[in-house]
Amino acid sequence: ADTVIEYFSHIGAEVALESDDLWN
């Protein structure tokens, strides 16, 4: 997830979390 989020860090995206504690 860190790698994917870093790639989208400049444009943002829709995010579907399996559980709330996964979001940093």
PDB file of all heavy atoms in Angstrom:
ATOM      1  N   ALA A   1       0.826  -1.216   0.000  1.00  0.00           N
ATOM      2  CA  ALA A   1       0.000   0.000   0.000  1.00  0.00           C
ATOM      3  C   ALA A   1       0.855   1.258   0.000  1.00  0.00           C
ATOM      4  O   ALA A   1       0.509   2.233  -0.681  1.00  0.00           O
ATOM      5  CB  ALA A   1      -0.943  -0.010   1.202  1.00  0.00           C
ATOM      6  N   ASP A   2       1.974   1.272   0.718  1.00  0.00           N
ATOM      7  CA  ASP A   2       2.846   2.452   0.735  1.00  0.00           C
ATOM      8  C   ASP A   2       3.289   2.838  -0.675  1.00  0.00           C
ATOM      9  O   ASP A   2       3.302   4.008  -1.039  1.00  0.00           O
ATOM     10  CB  ASP A   2       4.094   2.207   1.585  1.00  0.00           C
ATOM     11  CG  ASP A   2       3.806   2.188   3.070  1.00  0.00           C
ATOM     12  OD1 ASP A   2       2.744   2.696   3.477  1.00  0.00           O
ATOM     13  OD2 ASP A   2       4.645   1.662   3.816  1.00  0.00           O
ATOM     14  N   THR A   3       3.644   1.847  -1.473  1.00  0.00           N
ATOM     15  CA  THR A   3       4.107   2.090  -2.843  1.00  0.00           C
ATOM     16  C   THR A   3       2.984   2.659  -3.706  1.00  0.00           C
ATOM     17  O   THR A   3       3.195   3.610  -4.466  1.00  0.00           O
ATOM     18  CB  THR A   3       4.619   0.773  -3.457  1.00  0.00           C
ATOM     19  OG1 THR A   3       5.645   0.239  -2.630  1.00  0.00           O
ATOM     20  CG2 THR A   3       5.151   0.988  -4.861  1.00  0.00           C
ATOM     21  N   VAL A   4       1.800   2.088  -3.589  1.00  0.00           N
ATOM     22  CA  VAL A   4       0.662   2.545  -4.384  1.00  0.00           C
ATOM     23  C   VAL A   4       0.268   3.969  -3.987  1.00  0.00           C
ATOM     24  O   VAL A   4       0.065   4.831  -4.841  1.00  0.00           O
ATOM     25  CB  VAL A   4      -0.535   1.576  -4.245  1.00  0.00           C
ATOM     26  CG1 VAL A   4      -1.757   2.108  -4.959  1.00  0.00           C
ATOM     27  CG2 VAL A   4      -0.156   0.198  -4.771  1.00  0.00           C
ATOM     28  N   ILE A   5       0.169   4.228  -2.682  1.00  0.00           N
ATOM     29  CA  ILE A   5      -0.195   5.567  -2.206  1.00  0.00           C
ATOM     30  C   ILE A   5       0.835   6.595  -2.655  1.00  0.00           C
ATOM     31  O   ILE A   5       0.490   7.699  -3.071  1.00  0.00           O
ATOM     32  CB  ILE A   5      -0.363   5.574  -0.675  1.00  0.00           C
ATOM     33  CG1 ILE A   5      -1.576   4.744  -0.265  1.00  0.00           C
ATOM     34  CG2 ILE A   5      -0.466   6.991  -0.135  1.00  0.00           C
ATOM     35  CD1 ILE A   5      -2.910   5.306  -0.694  1.00  0.00           C
ATOM     36  N   GLU A   6       2.106   6.251  -2.592  1.00  0.00           N
ATOM     37  CA  GLU A   6       3.155   7.179  -3.027  1.00  0.00           C
ATOM     38  C   GLU A   6       2.967   7.549  -4.493  1.00  0.00           C
ATOM     39  O   GLU A   6       3.109   8.702  -4.880  1.00  0.00           O
ATOM     40  CB  GLU A   6       4.533   6.566  -2.816  1.00  0.00           C
ATOM     41  CG  GLU A   6       5.665   7.490  -3.193  1.00  0.00           C
ATOM     42  CD  GLU A   6       7.022   6.871  -2.956  1.00  0.00           C
ATOM     43  OE1 GLU A   6       7.141   5.939  -2.146  1.00  0.00           O
ATOM     44  OE2 GLU A   6       7.981   7.336  -3.592  1.00  0.00           O
ATOM     45  N   TYR A   7       2.617   6.576  -5.316  1.00  0.00           N
ATOM     46  CA  TYR A   7       2.399   6.836  -6.741  1.00  0.00           C
ATOM     47  C   TYR A   7       1.250   7.821  -6.954  1.00  0.00           C
ATOM     48  O   TYR A   7       1.311   8.687  -7.826  1.00  0.00           O
ATOM     49  CB  TYR A   7       2.129   5.525  -7.474  1.00  0.00           C
ATOM     50  CG  TYR A   7       1.900   5.710  -8.951  1.00  0.00           C
ATOM     51  CD1 TYR A   7       2.971   5.821  -9.825  1.00  0.00           C
ATOM     52  CD2 TYR A   7       0.613   5.779  -9.472  1.00  0.00           C
ATOM     53  CE1 TYR A   7       2.776   6.002 -11.173  1.00  0.00           C
ATOM     54  CE2 TYR A   7       0.395   5.958 -10.822  1.00  0.00           C
ATOM     55  CZ  TYR A   7       1.484   6.070 -11.676  1.00  0.00           C
ATOM     56  OH  TYR A   7       1.275   6.249 -13.017  1.00  0.00           O
ATOM     57  N   PHE A   8       0.188   7.708  -6.157  1.00  0.00           N
ATOM     58  CA  PHE A   8      -0.992   8.557  -6.312  1.00  0.00           C
ATOM     59  C   PHE A   8      -0.948   9.804  -5.426  1.00  0.00           C
ATOM     60  O   PHE A   8      -1.916  10.559  -5.383  1.00  0.00           O
ATOM     61  CB  PHE A   8      -2.263   7.751  -6.028  1.00  0.00           C
ATOM     62  CG  PHE A   8      -2.592   6.796  -7.127  1.00  0.00           C
ATOM     63  CD1 PHE A   8      -2.173   5.483  -7.068  1.00  0.00           C
ATOM     64  CD2 PHE A   8      -3.285   7.224  -8.238  1.00  0.00           C
ATOM     65  CE1 PHE A   8      -2.439   4.606  -8.091  1.00  0.00           C
ATOM     66  CE2 PHE A   8      -3.561   6.353  -9.270  1.00  0.00           C
ATOM     67  CZ  PHE A   8      -3.134   5.040  -9.206  1.00  0.00           C
ATOM     68  N   SER A   9       0.154  10.045  -4.756  1.00  0.00           N
ATOM     69  CA  SER A   9       0.222  11.144  -3.789  1.00  0.00           C
ATOM     70  C   SER A   9       0.045  12.524  -4.411  1.00  0.00           C
ATOM     71  O   SER A   9      -0.360  13.452  -3.729  1.00  0.00           O
ATOM     72  CB  SER A   9       1.535  11.091  -3.012  1.00  0.00           C
ATOM     73  OG  SER A   9       2.632  11.316  -3.878  1.00  0.00           O
ATOM     74  N   HIS A  10       0.316  12.679  -5.679  1.00  0.00           N
ATOM     75  CA  HIS A  10       0.191  13.994  -6.318  1.00  0.00           C
ATOM     76  C   HIS A  10      -1.175  14.212  -6.978  1.00  0.00           C
ATOM     77  O   HIS A  10      -1.517  15.340  -7.306  1.00  0.00           O
ATOM     78  CB  HIS A  10       1.287  14.191  -7.350  1.00  0.00           C
ATOM     79  CG  HIS A  10       2.648  14.153  -6.743  1.00  0.00           C
ATOM     80  ND1 HIS A  10       3.106  15.107  -5.860  1.00  0.00           N
ATOM     81  CD2 HIS A  10       3.653  13.249  -6.850  1.00  0.00           C
ATOM     82  CE1 HIS A  10       4.321  14.808  -5.475  1.00  0.00           C
ATOM     83  NE2 HIS A  10       4.677  13.677  -6.047  1.00  0.00           N
ATOM     84  N   ILE A  11      -1.919  13.140  -7.169  1.00  0.00           N
ATOM     85  CA  ILE A  11      -3.206  13.283  -7.864  1.00  0.00           C
ATOM     86  C   ILE A  11      -4.406  12.868  -7.026  1.00  0.00           C
ATOM     87  O   ILE A  11      -5.529  13.223  -7.350  1.00  0.00           O
ATOM     88  CB  ILE A  11      -3.209  12.491  -9.197  1.00  0.00           C
ATOM     89  CG1 ILE A  11      -2.879  11.018  -8.954  1.00  0.00           C
ATOM     90  CG2 ILE A  11      -2.255  13.110 -10.185  1.00  0.00           C
ATOM     91  CD1 ILE A  11      -2.975  10.149 -10.187  1.00  0.00           C
ATOM     92  N   GLY A  12      -4.176  12.089  -5.961  1.00  0.00           N
ATOM     93  CA  GLY A  12      -5.291  11.605  -5.152  1.00  0.00           C
ATOM     94  C   GLY A  12      -6.035  10.477  -5.852  1.00  0.00           C
ATOM     95  O   GLY A  12      -5.725  10.123  -6.982  1.00  0.00           O
ATOM     96  N   ALA A  13      -7.001   9.897  -5.178  1.00  0.00           N
ATOM     97  CA  ALA A  13      -7.777   8.784  -5.738  1.00  0.00           C
ATOM     98  C   ALA A  13      -8.922   8.457  -4.788  1.00  0.00           C
ATOM     99  O   ALA A  13      -8.967   8.940  -3.659  1.00  0.00           O
ATOM    100  CB  ALA A  13      -6.892   7.551  -5.919  1.00  0.00           C
ATOM    101  N   GLU A  14      -9.828   7.613  -5.257  1.00  0.00           N
ATOM    102  CA  GLU A  14     -10.849   7.039  -4.385  1.00  0.00           C
ATOM    103  C   GLU A  14     -10.197   5.890  -3.629  1.00  0.00           C
ATOM    104  O   GLU A  14      -9.388   5.150  -4.195  1.00  0.00           O
ATOM    105  CB  GLU A  14     -12.015   6.509  -5.206  1.00  0.00           C
ATOM    106  CG  GLU A  14     -12.768   7.591  -5.939  1.00  0.00           C
ATOM    107  CD  GLU A  14     -13.811   7.014  -6.873  1.00  0.00           C
ATOM    108  OE1 GLU A  14     -13.686   5.860  -7.306  1.00  0.00           O
ATOM    109  OE2 GLU A  14     -14.757   7.742  -7.170  1.00  0.00           O
ATOM    110  N   VAL A  15     -10.546   5.736  -2.355  1.00  0.00           N
ATOM    111  CA  VAL A  15      -9.926   4.708  -1.519  1.00  0.00           C
ATOM    112  C   VAL A  15     -11.013   3.882  -0.841  1.00  0.00           C
ATOM    113  O   VAL A  15     -11.914   4.422  -0.213  1.00  0.00           O
ATOM    114  CB  VAL A  15      -9.015   5.345  -0.447  1.00  0.00           C
ATOM    115  CG1 VAL A  15      -8.454   4.273   0.480  1.00  0.00           C
ATOM    116  CG2 VAL A  15      -7.893   6.139  -1.095  1.00  0.00           C
ATOM    117  N   ALA A  16     -10.887   2.564  -0.969  1.00  0.00           N
ATOM    118  CA  ALA A  16     -11.778   1.627  -0.291  1.00  0.00           C
ATOM    119  C   ALA A  16     -10.927   0.840   0.703  1.00  0.00           C
ATOM    120  O   ALA A  16     -10.021   0.104   0.307  1.00  0.00           O
ATOM    121  CB  ALA A  16     -12.431   0.695  -1.310  1.00  0.00           C
ATOM    122  N   LEU A  17     -11.189   1.038   1.990  1.00  0.00           N
ATOM    123  CA  LEU A  17     -10.410   0.385   3.047  1.00  0.00           C
ATOM    124  C   LEU A  17     -11.144  -0.832   3.592  1.00  0.00           C
ATOM    125  O   LEU A  17     -12.333  -0.756   3.903  1.00  0.00           O
ATOM    126  CB  LEU A  17     -10.166   1.346   4.205  1.00  0.00           C
ATOM    127  CG  LEU A  17      -9.309   2.567   3.941  1.00  0.00           C
ATOM    128  CD1 LEU A  17      -9.332   3.491   5.157  1.00  0.00           C
ATOM    129  CD2 LEU A  17      -7.893   2.158   3.607  1.00  0.00           C
ATOM    130  N   GLU A  18     -10.417  -1.922   3.753  1.00  0.00           N
ATOM    131  CA  GLU A  18     -10.980  -3.108   4.387  1.00  0.00           C
ATOM    132  C   GLU A  18     -11.291  -2.826   5.854  1.00  0.00           C
ATOM    133  O   GLU A  18     -12.289  -3.305   6.380  1.00  0.00           O
ATOM    134  CB  GLU A  18     -10.004  -4.268   4.253  1.00  0.00           C
ATOM    135  CG  GLU A  18     -10.501  -5.566   4.828  1.00  0.00           C
ATOM    136  CD  GLU A  18      -9.494  -6.671   4.680  1.00  0.00           C
ATOM    137  OE1 GLU A  18      -8.315  -6.465   5.066  1.00  0.00           O
ATOM    138  OE2 GLU A  18      -9.873  -7.742   4.196  1.00  0.00           O
ATOM    139  N   SER A  19     -10.419  -2.028   6.522  1.00  0.00           N
ATOM    140  CA  SER A  19     -10.678  -1.593   7.894  1.00  0.00           C
ATOM    141  C   SER A  19     -10.016  -0.231   8.106  1.00  0.00           C
ATOM    142  O   SER A  19      -9.018   0.102   7.465  1.00  0.00           O
ATOM    143  CB  SER A  19     -10.168  -2.610   8.914  1.00  0.00           C
ATOM    144  OG  SER A  19      -8.768  -2.663   8.909  1.00  0.00           O
ATOM    145  N   ASP A  20     -10.575   0.546   9.030  1.00  0.00           N
ATOM    146  CA  ASP A  20     -10.114   1.916   9.270  1.00  0.00           C
ATOM    147  C   ASP A  20      -8.644   1.993   9.669  1.00  0.00           C
ATOM    148  O   ASP A  20      -7.960   2.955   9.335  1.00  0.00           O
ATOM    149  CB  ASP A  20     -10.956   2.581  10.359  1.00  0.00           C
ATOM    150  CG  ASP A  20     -12.383   2.837   9.902  1.00  0.00           C
ATOM    151  OD1 ASP A  20     -12.626   2.845   8.684  1.00  0.00           O
ATOM    152  OD2 ASP A  20     -13.239   3.019  10.781  1.00  0.00           O
ATOM    153  N   ASP A  21      -8.148   1.003  10.385  1.00  0.00           N
ATOM    154  CA  ASP A  21      -6.778   1.081  10.880  1.00  0.00           C
ATOM    155  C   ASP A  21      -5.710   0.897   9.792  1.00  0.00           C
ATOM    156  O   ASP A  21      -4.524   1.051  10.049  1.00  0.00           O
ATOM    157  CB  ASP A  21      -6.551   0.074  12.008  1.00  0.00           C
ATOM    158  CG  ASP A  21      -6.644  -1.367  11.544  1.00  0.00           C
ATOM    159  OD1 ASP A  21      -7.335  -1.642  10.544  1.00  0.00           O
ATOM    160  OD2 ASP A  21      -6.024  -2.224  12.188  1.00  0.00           O
ATOM    161  N   LEU A  22      -6.124   0.617   8.571  1.00  0.00           N
ATOM    162  CA  LEU A  22      -5.159   0.465   7.477  1.00  0.00           C
ATOM    163  C   LEU A  22      -4.671   1.803   6.927  1.00  0.00           C
ATOM    164  O   LEU A  22      -3.632   1.860   6.277  1.00  0.00           O
ATOM    165  CB  LEU A  22      -5.768  -0.359   6.341  1.00  0.00           C
ATOM    166  CG  LEU A  22      -5.935  -1.838   6.648  1.00  0.00           C
ATOM    167  CD1 LEU A  22      -6.779  -2.501   5.573  1.00  0.00           C
ATOM    168  CD2 LEU A  22      -4.578  -2.492   6.744  1.00  0.00           C
ATOM    169  N   TRP A  23      -5.419   2.885   7.164  1.00  0.00           N
ATOM    170  CA  TRP A  23      -5.033   4.193   6.624  1.00  0.00           C
ATOM    171  C   TRP A  23      -3.964   4.834   7.499  1.00  0.00           C
ATOM    172  O   TRP A  23      -4.133   4.987   8.701  1.00  0.00           O
ATOM    173  CB  TRP A  23      -6.240   5.119   6.515  1.00  0.00           C
ATOM    174  CG  TRP A  23      -5.862   6.398   5.840  1.00  0.00           C
ATOM    175  CD1 TRP A  23      -5.668   7.613   6.425  1.00  0.00           C
ATOM    176  CD2 TRP A  23      -5.597   6.576   4.453  1.00  0.00           C
ATOM    177  NE1 TRP A  23      -5.301   8.537   5.481  1.00  0.00           N
ATOM    178  CE2 TRP A  23      -5.245   7.923   4.251  1.00  0.00           C
ATOM    179  CE3 TRP A  23      -5.614   5.726   3.342  1.00  0.00           C
ATOM    180  CZ2 TRP A  23      -4.929   8.441   3.011  1.00  0.00           C
ATOM    181  CZ3 TRP A  23      -5.297   6.242   2.105  1.00  0.00           C
ATOM    182  CH2 TRP A  23      -4.963   7.581   1.951  1.00  0.00           C
ATOM    183  N   ASN A  24      -2.862   5.217   6.896  1.00  0.00           N
ATOM    184  CA  ASN A  24      -1.785   5.910   7.586  1.00  0.00           C
ATOM    185  C   ASN A  24      -1.963   7.405   7.340  1.00  0.00           C
ATOM    186  O   ASN A  24      -1.905   7.841   6.193  1.00  0.00           O
ATOM    187  CB  ASN A  24      -0.437   5.435   7.046  1.00  0.00           C
ATOM    188  CG  ASN A  24       0.736   6.042   7.754  1.00  0.00           C
ATOM    189  OD1 ASN A  24       0.635   7.112   8.352  1.00  0.00           O
ATOM    190  ND2 ASN A  24       1.874   5.376   7.671  1.00  0.00           N
TER     191      ASN A  24
END
